[in-house]
Amino acid sequence: MVKAILFDFDGTLVDTESIDLRTWHEVFAAHGVAVPLDRFALRIGTLTGPDELDELDALLEAPCDRDAVTATRRRRELELLELEELRPGVREYLEEARELGLGVGIVSSSSRSWIDMNLERLGLVDAWSAVVCADGDTARCKPSPALYLEALDALGVAADEAIAVEDSPNGIAAARAAGIFCVGFPNDVTNALDLSEADVVLESLNDVPLADLLERVG
């Protein structure tokens, strides 16, 4: 019986991936070059992918001003983030999980400060049974199963008693390596990536109510 549902954060609960890509498109375009999308995809959901500033420098005749680029992109990211709400169907899943008595967690390669900032903005600080983040630790970030194993331990559930919801190949690989049934939930950036390792792929959580998904898992 499923006792917990674990959500990735970036790109899954909130489509920060599209914001991230948009801001990098703007940075690269300002320097007269284009983002190498195949390389960009490798960094989604993990901390060990290519560094975008390194990628930018490789396309330029002289290194960019990293401090200026970082500050400008960060301001733009936060500006766009203020307009970004939960992805469709997420709030309904959270409400239904609460009604069903499921533990609800976040498992993310991002930092706890980033997660907390967004949860406060969305009014969801107290909505979680557990929040597990890599916080810069490249040995624990996805695609390693470490974060998921920590979340299972925090919630006191076995791998076959949980469901993970992920938007990226790195996230799906982490959940599956931990032995957890994984729902692929692509966004506008990751829908072109290979999510075939997921047990099921849902284009929208509105397509399948949580109760129906639990029956399918069972």
N, C-alpha and C. Protein backbone atom coordinates (compact mmCIF):
# COMPACT_ATOMS: atom_id res chain seq x y z
N MET A 1 0.85 -1.19 0.00
CA MET A 1 0.00 0.00 0.00
C MET A 1 0.89 1.25 0.00
N VAL A 2 0.55 2.19 -0.84
CA VAL A 2 1.32 3.43 -0.91
C VAL A 2 1.01 4.31 0.31
N LYS A 3 2.09 4.75 0.96
CA LYS A 3 1.95 5.58 2.16
C LYS A 3 2.52 6.98 1.99
N ALA A 4 3.25 7.21 0.90
CA ALA A 4 3.88 8.52 0.72
C ALA A 4 4.05 8.85 -0.75
N ILE A 5 4.01 10.13 -1.04
CA ILE A 5 4.28 10.62 -2.40
C ILE A 5 5.39 11.67 -2.29
N LEU A 6 6.42 11.52 -3.12
CA LEU A 6 7.60 12.37 -3.06
C LEU A 6 7.73 13.15 -4.35
N PHE A 7 7.81 14.46 -4.23
CA PHE A 7 7.89 15.34 -5.40
C PHE A 7 9.29 15.93 -5.55
N ASP A 8 9.81 15.88 -6.76
CA ASP A 8 10.92 16.77 -7.11
C ASP A 8 10.37 18.20 -7.04
N PHE A 9 11.27 19.17 -6.89
CA PHE A 9 10.79 20.55 -6.85
C PHE A 9 10.90 21.25 -8.20
N ASP A 10 12.14 21.54 -8.63
CA ASP A 10 12.35 22.34 -9.84
C ASP A 10 11.85 21.62 -11.09
N GLY A 11 10.90 22.26 -11.76
CA GLY A 11 10.36 21.68 -12.98
C GLY A 11 9.19 20.76 -12.74
N THR A 12 9.00 20.32 -11.50
CA THR A 12 7.92 19.39 -11.17
C THR A 12 6.81 20.09 -10.41
N LEU A 13 7.11 20.61 -9.24
CA LEU A 13 6.10 21.38 -8.51
C LEU A 13 5.90 22.76 -9.14
N VAL A 14 7.01 23.39 -9.49
CA VAL A 14 7.00 24.71 -10.14
C VAL A 14 7.92 24.64 -11.35
N ASP A 15 7.49 25.21 -12.47
CA ASP A 15 8.29 25.09 -13.69
C ASP A 15 9.43 26.10 -13.71
N THR A 16 10.33 25.95 -12.77
CA THR A 16 11.52 26.79 -12.74
C THR A 16 12.49 26.45 -13.87
N GLU A 17 12.35 25.24 -14.45
CA GLU A 17 13.25 24.86 -15.55
C GLU A 17 13.05 25.78 -16.76
N SER A 18 11.81 26.11 -17.06
CA SER A 18 11.55 27.01 -18.19
C SER A 18 12.10 28.40 -17.92
N ILE A 19 12.01 28.84 -16.66
CA ILE A 19 12.59 30.14 -16.29
C ILE A 19 14.10 30.09 -16.43
N ASP A 20 14.70 29.02 -15.95
CA ASP A 20 16.15 28.86 -16.03
C ASP A 20 16.63 28.91 -17.47
N LEU A 21 15.96 28.15 -18.33
CA LEU A 21 16.36 28.13 -19.73
C LEU A 21 16.13 29.49 -20.38
N ARG A 22 15.02 30.14 -20.07
CA ARG A 22 14.74 31.46 -20.66
C ARG A 22 15.81 32.47 -20.28
N THR A 23 16.22 32.48 -19.02
CA THR A 23 17.23 33.46 -18.60
C THR A 23 18.58 33.18 -19.25
N TRP A 24 18.90 31.91 -19.43
CA TRP A 24 20.16 31.59 -20.10
C TRP A 24 20.09 31.91 -21.59
N HIS A 25 18.94 31.71 -22.21
CA HIS A 25 18.75 32.14 -23.60
C HIS A 25 19.04 33.63 -23.71
N GLU A 26 18.52 34.41 -22.77
CA GLU A 26 18.72 35.85 -22.81
C GLU A 26 20.19 36.22 -22.62
N VAL A 27 20.86 35.53 -21.71
CA VAL A 27 22.29 35.79 -21.48
C VAL A 27 23.11 35.47 -22.72
N PHE A 28 22.90 34.29 -23.27
CA PHE A 28 23.67 33.87 -24.44
C PHE A 28 23.39 34.80 -25.63
N ALA A 29 22.10 35.15 -25.82
CA ALA A 29 21.74 36.03 -26.94
C ALA A 29 22.39 37.39 -26.79
N ALA A 30 22.50 37.89 -25.56
CA ALA A 30 23.15 39.19 -25.33
C ALA A 30 24.62 39.15 -25.72
N HIS A 31 25.19 37.95 -25.77
CA HIS A 31 26.59 37.79 -26.17
C HIS A 31 26.71 37.31 -27.62
N GLY A 32 25.56 37.26 -28.32
CA GLY A 32 25.57 36.91 -29.74
C GLY A 32 25.73 35.43 -30.04
N VAL A 33 25.42 34.57 -29.07
CA VAL A 33 25.54 33.12 -29.28
C VAL A 33 24.27 32.44 -28.79
N ALA A 34 24.16 31.13 -29.02
CA ALA A 34 22.97 30.38 -28.64
C ALA A 34 23.31 29.33 -27.59
N VAL A 35 22.35 29.07 -26.71
CA VAL A 35 22.52 28.03 -25.69
C VAL A 35 22.61 26.67 -26.36
N PRO A 36 23.63 25.87 -26.05
CA PRO A 36 23.70 24.50 -26.57
C PRO A 36 22.71 23.61 -25.80
N LEU A 37 21.54 23.39 -26.37
CA LEU A 37 20.45 22.74 -25.63
C LEU A 37 20.78 21.32 -25.20
N ASP A 38 21.56 20.60 -26.00
CA ASP A 38 21.90 19.24 -25.62
C ASP A 38 22.76 19.23 -24.36
N ARG A 39 23.62 20.22 -24.23
CA ARG A 39 24.45 20.34 -23.04
C ARG A 39 23.63 20.84 -21.85
N PHE A 40 22.73 21.78 -22.10
CA PHE A 40 21.87 22.31 -21.05
C PHE A 40 21.05 21.20 -20.41
N ALA A 41 20.55 20.28 -21.23
CA ALA A 41 19.70 19.20 -20.73
C ALA A 41 20.41 18.33 -19.71
N LEU A 42 21.73 18.22 -19.82
CA LEU A 42 22.49 17.35 -18.93
C LEU A 42 22.51 17.85 -17.49
N ARG A 43 22.25 19.14 -17.29
CA ARG A 43 22.32 19.72 -15.95
C ARG A 43 20.96 19.76 -15.24
N ILE A 44 19.90 19.37 -15.94
CA ILE A 44 18.57 19.43 -15.34
C ILE A 44 18.42 18.34 -14.28
N GLY A 45 18.08 18.76 -13.07
CA GLY A 45 17.85 17.82 -11.99
C GLY A 45 19.08 17.39 -11.23
N THR A 46 20.25 17.92 -11.58
CA THR A 46 21.48 17.50 -10.93
C THR A 46 22.39 18.69 -10.69
N LEU A 47 23.50 18.46 -9.98
CA LEU A 47 24.49 19.49 -9.74
C LEU A 47 25.78 19.21 -10.51
N THR A 48 25.80 18.11 -11.23
CA THR A 48 27.06 17.66 -11.85
C THR A 48 27.10 17.86 -13.36
N GLY A 49 26.11 18.53 -13.92
CA GLY A 49 26.10 18.77 -15.36
C GLY A 49 27.02 19.91 -15.76
N PRO A 50 27.06 20.23 -17.04
CA PRO A 50 27.92 21.32 -17.53
C PRO A 50 27.58 22.66 -16.87
N ASP A 51 28.60 23.47 -16.65
CA ASP A 51 28.41 24.81 -16.10
C ASP A 51 28.10 25.76 -17.25
N GLU A 52 27.01 26.51 -17.13
CA GLU A 52 26.59 27.37 -18.24
C GLU A 52 27.58 28.49 -18.53
N LEU A 53 28.25 28.98 -17.52
CA LEU A 53 29.25 30.03 -17.76
C LEU A 53 30.45 29.46 -18.53
N ASP A 54 30.83 28.22 -18.22
CA ASP A 54 31.88 27.57 -19.00
C ASP A 54 31.44 27.38 -20.44
N GLU A 55 30.17 27.00 -20.61
CA GLU A 55 29.63 26.80 -21.95
C GLU A 55 29.62 28.12 -22.73
N LEU A 56 29.27 29.20 -22.04
CA LEU A 56 29.25 30.51 -22.69
C LEU A 56 30.66 30.92 -23.10
N ASP A 57 31.61 30.79 -22.18
CA ASP A 57 32.99 31.17 -22.48
C ASP A 57 33.55 30.39 -23.68
N ALA A 58 33.15 29.13 -23.79
CA ALA A 58 33.66 28.29 -24.88
C ALA A 58 33.21 28.79 -26.25
N LEU A 59 32.14 29.59 -26.27
CA LEU A 59 31.61 30.11 -27.53
C LEU A 59 32.09 31.52 -27.84
N LEU A 60 32.81 32.13 -26.90
CA LEU A 60 33.25 33.51 -27.07
C LEU A 60 34.75 33.61 -27.33
N GLU A 61 35.14 34.70 -27.93
CA GLU A 61 36.57 34.93 -28.17
C GLU A 61 37.30 35.31 -26.89
N ALA A 62 36.60 35.94 -25.96
CA ALA A 62 37.17 36.31 -24.67
C ALA A 62 36.17 35.95 -23.57
N PRO A 63 36.64 35.60 -22.38
CA PRO A 63 35.73 35.21 -21.29
C PRO A 63 34.73 36.32 -20.96
N CYS A 64 33.53 35.91 -20.58
CA CYS A 64 32.51 36.87 -20.19
C CYS A 64 32.81 37.42 -18.79
N ASP A 65 32.13 38.48 -18.43
CA ASP A 65 32.22 39.03 -17.08
C ASP A 65 31.27 38.20 -16.20
N ARG A 66 31.82 37.22 -15.53
CA ARG A 66 30.98 36.26 -14.81
C ARG A 66 30.15 36.89 -13.70
N ASP A 67 30.73 37.79 -12.97
CA ASP A 67 29.99 38.44 -11.88
C ASP A 67 28.79 39.22 -12.43
N ALA A 68 29.01 39.95 -13.51
CA ALA A 68 27.93 40.75 -14.10
C ALA A 68 26.85 39.85 -14.68
N VAL A 69 27.26 38.79 -15.38
CA VAL A 69 26.29 37.86 -15.97
C VAL A 69 25.47 37.20 -14.86
N THR A 70 26.13 36.75 -13.82
CA THR A 70 25.44 36.06 -12.73
C THR A 70 24.43 36.98 -12.05
N ALA A 71 24.82 38.22 -11.79
CA ALA A 71 23.93 39.16 -11.12
C ALA A 71 22.73 39.50 -11.99
N THR A 72 22.97 39.75 -13.28
CA THR A 72 21.88 40.09 -14.20
C THR A 72 20.91 38.93 -14.36
N ARG A 73 21.45 37.73 -14.54
CA ARG A 73 20.58 36.57 -14.72
C ARG A 73 19.78 36.29 -13.47
N ARG A 74 20.39 36.45 -12.30
CA ARG A 74 19.69 36.19 -11.04
C ARG A 74 18.54 37.15 -10.85
N ARG A 75 18.75 38.43 -11.14
CA ARG A 75 17.65 39.41 -11.04
C ARG A 75 16.50 39.03 -11.96
N ARG A 76 16.82 38.64 -13.16
CA ARG A 76 15.79 38.25 -14.13
C ARG A 76 15.07 36.98 -13.68
N GLU A 77 15.82 36.03 -13.15
CA GLU A 77 15.23 34.78 -12.66
C GLU A 77 14.20 35.05 -11.56
N LEU A 78 14.56 35.87 -10.61
CA LEU A 78 13.66 36.18 -9.50
C LEU A 78 12.43 36.97 -9.97
N GLU A 79 12.65 37.83 -10.95
CA GLU A 79 11.54 38.59 -11.53
C GLU A 79 10.52 37.66 -12.17
N LEU A 80 10.99 36.69 -12.94
CA LEU A 80 10.09 35.74 -13.61
C LEU A 80 9.47 34.78 -12.61
N LEU A 81 10.23 34.41 -11.60
CA LEU A 81 9.75 33.45 -10.62
C LEU A 81 8.53 33.96 -9.87
N GLU A 82 8.47 35.26 -9.65
CA GLU A 82 7.33 35.83 -8.93
C GLU A 82 6.01 35.56 -9.64
N LEU A 83 6.07 35.30 -10.93
CA LEU A 83 4.85 35.07 -11.72
C LEU A 83 4.51 33.59 -11.83
N GLU A 84 5.38 32.73 -11.31
CA GLU A 84 5.23 31.29 -11.52
C GLU A 84 4.50 30.64 -10.36
N GLU A 85 3.40 29.96 -10.67
CA GLU A 85 2.61 29.26 -9.65
C GLU A 85 2.90 27.76 -9.71
N LEU A 86 2.21 26.99 -8.89
CA LEU A 86 2.32 25.54 -8.96
C LEU A 86 1.87 25.05 -10.33
N ARG A 87 2.47 23.99 -10.81
CA ARG A 87 2.06 23.44 -12.10
C ARG A 87 0.64 22.86 -12.00
N PRO A 88 -0.08 22.81 -13.12
CA PRO A 88 -1.47 22.32 -13.10
C PRO A 88 -1.59 20.92 -12.49
N GLY A 89 -2.54 20.79 -11.58
CA GLY A 89 -2.81 19.51 -10.95
C GLY A 89 -2.04 19.26 -9.68
N VAL A 90 -0.99 20.02 -9.43
CA VAL A 90 -0.15 19.79 -8.24
C VAL A 90 -0.93 20.07 -6.96
N ARG A 91 -1.60 21.21 -6.91
CA ARG A 91 -2.33 21.56 -5.68
C ARG A 91 -3.41 20.52 -5.38
N GLU A 92 -4.06 20.04 -6.41
CA GLU A 92 -5.09 19.01 -6.22
C GLU A 92 -4.48 17.72 -5.69
N TYR A 93 -3.30 17.35 -6.19
CA TYR A 93 -2.61 16.16 -5.68
C TYR A 93 -2.26 16.32 -4.21
N LEU A 94 -1.78 17.51 -3.84
CA LEU A 94 -1.41 17.75 -2.45
C LEU A 94 -2.64 17.66 -1.54
N GLU A 95 -3.74 18.22 -1.98
CA GLU A 95 -4.97 18.17 -1.18
C GLU A 95 -5.49 16.75 -1.05
N GLU A 96 -5.44 16.00 -2.17
CA GLU A 96 -5.93 14.63 -2.14
C GLU A 96 -5.02 13.75 -1.28
N ALA A 97 -3.72 13.97 -1.36
CA ALA A 97 -2.78 13.20 -0.53
C ALA A 97 -3.07 13.42 0.94
N ARG A 98 -3.35 14.67 1.30
CA ARG A 98 -3.67 14.99 2.69
C ARG A 98 -4.94 14.27 3.12
N GLU A 99 -5.95 14.26 2.25
CA GLU A 99 -7.21 13.59 2.56
C GLU A 99 -7.02 12.09 2.72
N LEU A 100 -6.08 11.52 1.97
CA LEU A 100 -5.83 10.08 2.02
C LEU A 100 -4.86 9.70 3.12
N GLY A 101 -4.33 10.69 3.82
CA GLY A 101 -3.41 10.41 4.91
C GLY A 101 -2.01 10.02 4.47
N LEU A 102 -1.61 10.42 3.28
CA LEU A 102 -0.29 10.07 2.78
C LEU A 102 0.76 11.06 3.30
N GLY A 103 1.96 10.56 3.51
CA GLY A 103 3.08 11.45 3.76
C GLY A 103 3.45 12.13 2.45
N VAL A 104 3.80 13.41 2.51
CA VAL A 104 4.11 14.17 1.30
C VAL A 104 5.47 14.83 1.49
N GLY A 105 6.39 14.55 0.57
CA GLY A 105 7.73 15.09 0.71
C GLY A 105 8.25 15.75 -0.55
N ILE A 106 9.31 16.53 -0.37
CA ILE A 106 10.06 17.11 -1.49
C ILE A 106 11.45 16.50 -1.46
N VAL A 107 11.91 16.07 -2.64
CA VAL A 107 13.26 15.51 -2.78
C VAL A 107 13.92 16.25 -3.93
N SER A 108 14.93 17.06 -3.62
CA SER A 108 15.46 17.99 -4.62
C SER A 108 16.98 18.08 -4.58
N SER A 109 17.57 18.23 -5.76
CA SER A 109 19.01 18.49 -5.86
C SER A 109 19.35 19.94 -5.54
N SER A 110 18.35 20.78 -5.38
CA SER A 110 18.58 22.20 -5.12
C SER A 110 18.92 22.44 -3.65
N SER A 111 19.07 23.71 -3.29
CA SER A 111 19.39 24.08 -1.90
C SER A 111 18.12 24.25 -1.08
N ARG A 112 18.25 24.08 0.22
CA ARG A 112 17.09 24.24 1.10
C ARG A 112 16.63 25.70 1.10
N SER A 113 17.55 26.64 0.98
CA SER A 113 17.16 28.04 0.97
C SER A 113 16.31 28.37 -0.25
N TRP A 114 16.64 27.79 -1.40
CA TRP A 114 15.86 27.98 -2.62
C TRP A 114 14.46 27.40 -2.47
N ILE A 115 14.39 26.19 -1.92
CA ILE A 115 13.10 25.54 -1.71
C ILE A 115 12.25 26.35 -0.73
N ASP A 116 12.85 26.74 0.38
CA ASP A 116 12.10 27.47 1.40
C ASP A 116 11.58 28.80 0.87
N MET A 117 12.40 29.50 0.09
CA MET A 117 11.98 30.77 -0.48
C MET A 117 10.74 30.60 -1.34
N ASN A 118 10.74 29.56 -2.15
CA ASN A 118 9.61 29.32 -3.03
C ASN A 118 8.38 28.83 -2.28
N LEU A 119 8.58 27.97 -1.29
CA LEU A 119 7.43 27.48 -0.51
C LEU A 119 6.77 28.62 0.25
N GLU A 120 7.57 29.54 0.76
CA GLU A 120 7.00 30.71 1.45
C GLU A 120 6.21 31.57 0.47
N ARG A 121 6.75 31.75 -0.71
CA ARG A 121 6.06 32.55 -1.73
C ARG A 121 4.73 31.93 -2.11
N LEU A 122 4.68 30.59 -2.13
CA LEU A 122 3.48 29.87 -2.54
C LEU A 122 2.53 29.55 -1.39
N GLY A 123 2.94 29.89 -0.17
CA GLY A 123 2.11 29.60 0.99
C GLY A 123 2.05 28.13 1.33
N LEU A 124 3.15 27.42 1.11
CA LEU A 124 3.16 25.97 1.30
C LEU A 124 4.25 25.51 2.26
N VAL A 125 4.70 26.37 3.13
CA VAL A 125 5.80 26.02 4.03
C VAL A 125 5.46 24.81 4.89
N ASP A 126 4.24 24.72 5.35
CA ASP A 126 3.84 23.66 6.29
C ASP A 126 3.15 22.48 5.63
N ALA A 127 3.27 22.35 4.32
CA ALA A 127 2.53 21.32 3.59
C ALA A 127 3.26 19.99 3.48
N TRP A 128 4.45 19.87 4.10
CA TRP A 128 5.31 18.72 3.80
C TRP A 128 5.66 17.92 5.05
N SER A 129 5.69 16.61 4.87
CA SER A 129 6.12 15.71 5.94
C SER A 129 7.64 15.65 6.01
N ALA A 130 8.30 15.90 4.89
CA ALA A 130 9.77 15.89 4.85
C ALA A 130 10.24 16.69 3.64
N VAL A 131 11.35 17.38 3.79
CA VAL A 131 12.00 18.09 2.69
C VAL A 131 13.47 17.69 2.72
N VAL A 132 13.93 17.05 1.67
CA VAL A 132 15.32 16.57 1.59
C VAL A 132 15.98 17.22 0.38
N CYS A 133 17.08 17.93 0.62
CA CYS A 133 17.77 18.67 -0.44
C CYS A 133 19.26 18.31 -0.47
N ALA A 134 19.85 18.44 -1.65
CA ALA A 134 21.28 18.16 -1.79
C ALA A 134 22.13 19.26 -1.16
N ASP A 135 21.65 20.50 -1.21
CA ASP A 135 22.37 21.63 -0.61
C ASP A 135 23.83 21.70 -1.05
N GLY A 136 24.05 21.52 -2.35
CA GLY A 136 25.39 21.66 -2.89
C GLY A 136 26.24 20.41 -2.83
N ASP A 137 25.74 19.33 -2.26
CA ASP A 137 26.50 18.09 -2.12
C ASP A 137 26.40 17.27 -3.40
N THR A 138 27.44 17.28 -4.22
CA THR A 138 27.41 16.57 -5.50
C THR A 138 27.45 15.06 -5.33
N ALA A 139 27.81 14.57 -4.14
CA ALA A 139 27.82 13.13 -3.91
C ALA A 139 26.41 12.60 -3.62
N ARG A 140 25.49 13.50 -3.20
CA ARG A 140 24.14 13.07 -2.84
C ARG A 140 23.11 13.46 -3.88
N CYS A 141 23.43 14.39 -4.77
CA CYS A 141 22.42 14.87 -5.72
C CYS A 141 22.05 13.78 -6.72
N LYS A 142 20.91 13.99 -7.35
CA LYS A 142 20.46 13.07 -8.40
C LYS A 142 21.45 13.12 -9.57
N PRO A 143 21.69 12.01 -10.26
CA PRO A 143 20.92 10.76 -10.29
C PRO A 143 21.24 9.75 -9.20
N SER A 144 22.06 10.10 -8.21
CA SER A 144 22.26 9.20 -7.07
C SER A 144 20.92 8.99 -6.36
N PRO A 145 20.67 7.80 -5.84
CA PRO A 145 19.44 7.56 -5.08
C PRO A 145 19.50 8.08 -3.65
N ALA A 146 20.63 8.68 -3.25
CA ALA A 146 20.85 9.05 -1.84
C ALA A 146 19.72 9.89 -1.25
N LEU A 147 19.29 10.92 -1.98
CA LEU A 147 18.26 11.82 -1.43
C LEU A 147 16.94 11.09 -1.23
N TYR A 148 16.60 10.22 -2.17
CA TYR A 148 15.36 9.45 -2.03
C TYR A 148 15.44 8.48 -0.86
N LEU A 149 16.58 7.86 -0.69
CA LEU A 149 16.74 6.94 0.44
C LEU A 149 16.64 7.69 1.76
N GLU A 150 17.17 8.90 1.81
CA GLU A 150 17.05 9.73 3.01
C GLU A 150 15.58 10.09 3.27
N ALA A 151 14.85 10.39 2.20
CA ALA A 151 13.44 10.76 2.35
C ALA A 151 12.61 9.57 2.85
N LEU A 152 12.88 8.39 2.31
CA LEU A 152 12.17 7.20 2.78
C LEU A 152 12.42 6.98 4.26
N ASP A 153 13.68 7.16 4.68
CA ASP A 153 14.02 6.98 6.09
C ASP A 153 13.33 8.03 6.96
N ALA A 154 13.29 9.27 6.49
CA ALA A 154 12.66 10.35 7.25
C ALA A 154 11.17 10.11 7.44
N LEU A 155 10.54 9.51 6.42
CA LEU A 155 9.10 9.28 6.47
C LEU A 155 8.75 7.93 7.09
N GLY A 156 9.77 7.07 7.25
CA GLY A 156 9.52 5.76 7.83
C GLY A 156 8.74 4.83 6.92
N VAL A 157 8.99 4.93 5.61
CA VAL A 157 8.29 4.07 4.66
C VAL A 157 9.31 3.31 3.81
N ALA A 158 8.88 2.18 3.28
CA ALA A 158 9.72 1.39 2.39
C ALA A 158 9.60 1.91 0.97
N ALA A 159 10.54 1.53 0.12
CA ALA A 159 10.52 2.01 -1.27
C ALA A 159 9.24 1.63 -1.99
N ASP A 160 8.70 0.44 -1.72
CA ASP A 160 7.48 0.01 -2.41
C ASP A 160 6.23 0.60 -1.79
N GLU A 161 6.41 1.49 -0.80
CA GLU A 161 5.28 2.18 -0.20
C GLU A 161 5.25 3.65 -0.59
N ALA A 162 6.05 4.00 -1.61
CA ALA A 162 6.14 5.40 -2.03
C ALA A 162 6.01 5.53 -3.54
N ILE A 163 5.65 6.74 -3.96
CA ILE A 163 5.62 7.14 -5.37
C ILE A 163 6.46 8.40 -5.49
N ALA A 164 7.25 8.48 -6.56
CA ALA A 164 8.01 9.70 -6.84
C ALA A 164 7.45 10.35 -8.09
N VAL A 165 7.46 11.68 -8.12
CA VAL A 165 7.02 12.44 -9.30
C VAL A 165 8.20 13.29 -9.75
N GLU A 166 8.65 13.08 -10.98
CA GLU A 166 9.87 13.69 -11.50
C GLU A 166 9.68 14.20 -12.92
N ASP A 167 10.43 15.26 -13.26
CA ASP A 167 10.30 15.83 -14.60
C ASP A 167 11.49 15.53 -15.51
N SER A 168 12.58 14.94 -14.98
CA SER A 168 13.81 14.83 -15.76
C SER A 168 14.40 13.42 -15.70
N PRO A 169 15.23 13.08 -16.69
CA PRO A 169 15.91 11.78 -16.67
C PRO A 169 16.76 11.58 -15.42
N ASN A 170 17.47 12.62 -14.96
CA ASN A 170 18.28 12.48 -13.75
C ASN A 170 17.43 12.17 -12.53
N GLY A 171 16.30 12.84 -12.42
CA GLY A 171 15.41 12.60 -11.29
C GLY A 171 14.79 11.22 -11.34
N ILE A 172 14.35 10.82 -12.53
CA ILE A 172 13.75 9.49 -12.69
C ILE A 172 14.76 8.41 -12.36
N ALA A 173 16.00 8.58 -12.82
CA ALA A 173 17.05 7.60 -12.53
C ALA A 173 17.28 7.47 -11.03
N ALA A 174 17.24 8.60 -10.31
CA ALA A 174 17.44 8.57 -8.86
C ALA A 174 16.32 7.81 -8.15
N ALA A 175 15.08 8.10 -8.52
CA ALA A 175 13.94 7.44 -7.89
C ALA A 175 13.95 5.94 -8.18
N ARG A 176 14.20 5.58 -9.43
CA ARG A 176 14.19 4.17 -9.79
C ARG A 176 15.34 3.41 -9.11
N ALA A 177 16.51 4.07 -8.98
CA ALA A 177 17.64 3.44 -8.30
C ALA A 177 17.34 3.19 -6.82
N ALA A 178 16.44 4.01 -6.27
CA ALA A 178 16.02 3.82 -4.88
C ALA A 178 14.89 2.79 -4.77
N GLY A 179 14.44 2.28 -5.90
CA GLY A 179 13.39 1.27 -5.90
C GLY A 179 11.99 1.81 -5.81
N ILE A 180 11.81 3.10 -6.15
CA ILE A 180 10.51 3.77 -6.00
C ILE A 180 9.78 3.85 -7.34
N PHE A 181 8.50 3.57 -7.34
CA PHE A 181 7.65 3.74 -8.52
C PHE A 181 7.71 5.21 -8.92
N CYS A 182 8.01 5.49 -10.19
CA CYS A 182 8.23 6.88 -10.59
C CYS A 182 7.28 7.32 -11.69
N VAL A 183 6.66 8.47 -11.46
CA VAL A 183 5.79 9.12 -12.44
C VAL A 183 6.59 10.20 -13.15
N GLY A 184 6.73 10.08 -14.45
CA GLY A 184 7.34 11.14 -15.23
C GLY A 184 6.32 12.23 -15.49
N PHE A 185 6.70 13.47 -15.21
CA PHE A 185 5.78 14.61 -15.33
C PHE A 185 6.52 15.74 -16.04
N PRO A 186 6.69 15.62 -17.37
CA PRO A 186 7.52 16.57 -18.11
C PRO A 186 6.93 17.97 -18.16
N ASN A 187 7.81 18.95 -18.29
CA ASN A 187 7.40 20.33 -18.50
C ASN A 187 7.80 20.76 -19.91
N ASP A 188 7.68 22.05 -20.21
CA ASP A 188 7.97 22.52 -21.56
C ASP A 188 9.44 22.33 -21.96
N VAL A 189 10.33 22.23 -20.98
CA VAL A 189 11.75 22.01 -21.27
C VAL A 189 12.07 20.53 -21.38
N THR A 190 11.52 19.72 -20.48
CA THR A 190 11.90 18.31 -20.43
C THR A 190 11.02 17.39 -21.27
N ASN A 191 9.97 17.94 -21.89
CA ASN A 191 9.11 17.06 -22.67
C ASN A 191 9.77 16.51 -23.93
N ALA A 192 10.92 17.07 -24.30
CA ALA A 192 11.66 16.55 -25.45
C ALA A 192 12.73 15.55 -25.03
N LEU A 193 12.89 15.33 -23.72
CA LEU A 193 13.91 14.42 -23.22
C LEU A 193 13.35 13.01 -23.07
N ASP A 194 14.23 12.05 -22.92
CA ASP A 194 13.84 10.66 -22.80
C ASP A 194 13.45 10.35 -21.35
N LEU A 195 12.16 10.21 -21.12
CA LEU A 195 11.65 9.88 -19.79
C LEU A 195 11.15 8.44 -19.73
N SER A 196 11.63 7.61 -20.63
CA SER A 196 11.12 6.25 -20.76
C SER A 196 11.43 5.36 -19.56
N GLU A 197 12.37 5.76 -18.71
CA GLU A 197 12.67 4.96 -17.53
C GLU A 197 11.62 5.13 -16.44
N ALA A 198 10.73 6.11 -16.59
CA ALA A 198 9.64 6.26 -15.62
C ALA A 198 8.65 5.10 -15.78
N ASP A 199 7.97 4.77 -14.70
CA ASP A 199 6.98 3.69 -14.76
C ASP A 199 5.75 4.12 -15.54
N VAL A 200 5.43 5.41 -15.45
CA VAL A 200 4.32 5.98 -16.20
C VAL A 200 4.64 7.45 -16.44
N VAL A 201 4.21 8.00 -17.55
CA VAL A 201 4.42 9.41 -17.86
C VAL A 201 3.06 10.10 -17.98
N LEU A 202 2.88 11.18 -17.24
CA LEU A 202 1.65 11.97 -17.29
C LEU A 202 1.98 13.36 -17.79
N GLU A 203 1.36 13.77 -18.88
CA GLU A 203 1.58 15.12 -19.39
C GLU A 203 0.99 16.16 -18.46
N SER A 204 -0.06 15.78 -17.74
CA SER A 204 -0.69 16.67 -16.77
C SER A 204 -1.21 15.83 -15.61
N LEU A 205 -1.01 16.30 -14.39
CA LEU A 205 -1.56 15.59 -13.25
C LEU A 205 -3.08 15.67 -13.24
N ASN A 206 -3.64 16.62 -13.98
CA ASN A 206 -5.09 16.71 -14.09
C ASN A 206 -5.68 15.54 -14.87
N ASP A 207 -4.82 14.84 -15.63
CA ASP A 207 -5.31 13.73 -16.44
C ASP A 207 -5.66 12.50 -15.61
N VAL A 208 -4.97 12.34 -14.48
CA VAL A 208 -5.17 11.15 -13.63
C VAL A 208 -5.24 11.58 -12.17
N PRO A 209 -6.41 11.54 -11.55
CA PRO A 209 -6.50 11.87 -10.12
C PRO A 209 -5.59 10.96 -9.30
N LEU A 210 -5.13 11.45 -8.17
CA LEU A 210 -4.19 10.68 -7.37
C LEU A 210 -4.76 9.32 -6.98
N ALA A 211 -6.04 9.26 -6.63
CA ALA A 211 -6.64 7.98 -6.25
C ALA A 211 -6.54 6.97 -7.39
N ASP A 212 -6.74 7.42 -8.62
CA ASP A 212 -6.63 6.53 -9.78
C ASP A 212 -5.19 6.07 -9.97
N LEU A 213 -4.24 6.98 -9.75
CA LEU A 213 -2.83 6.63 -9.87
C LEU A 213 -2.46 5.57 -8.83
N LEU A 214 -2.96 5.72 -7.62
CA LEU A 214 -2.67 4.75 -6.56
C LEU A 214 -3.20 3.38 -6.93
N GLU A 215 -4.36 3.33 -7.56
CA GLU A 215 -4.91 2.05 -8.01
C GLU A 215 -4.02 1.44 -9.07
N ARG A 216 -3.50 2.27 -9.96
CA ARG A 216 -2.63 1.78 -11.02
C ARG A 216 -1.34 1.22 -10.45
N VAL A 217 -0.81 1.89 -9.44
CA VAL A 217 0.41 1.40 -8.80
C VAL A 217 0.14 0.07 -8.11
N GLY A 218 -1.00 0.01 -7.42
CA GLY A 218 -1.34 -1.24 -6.75
C GLY A 218 -1.50 -2.39 -7.70
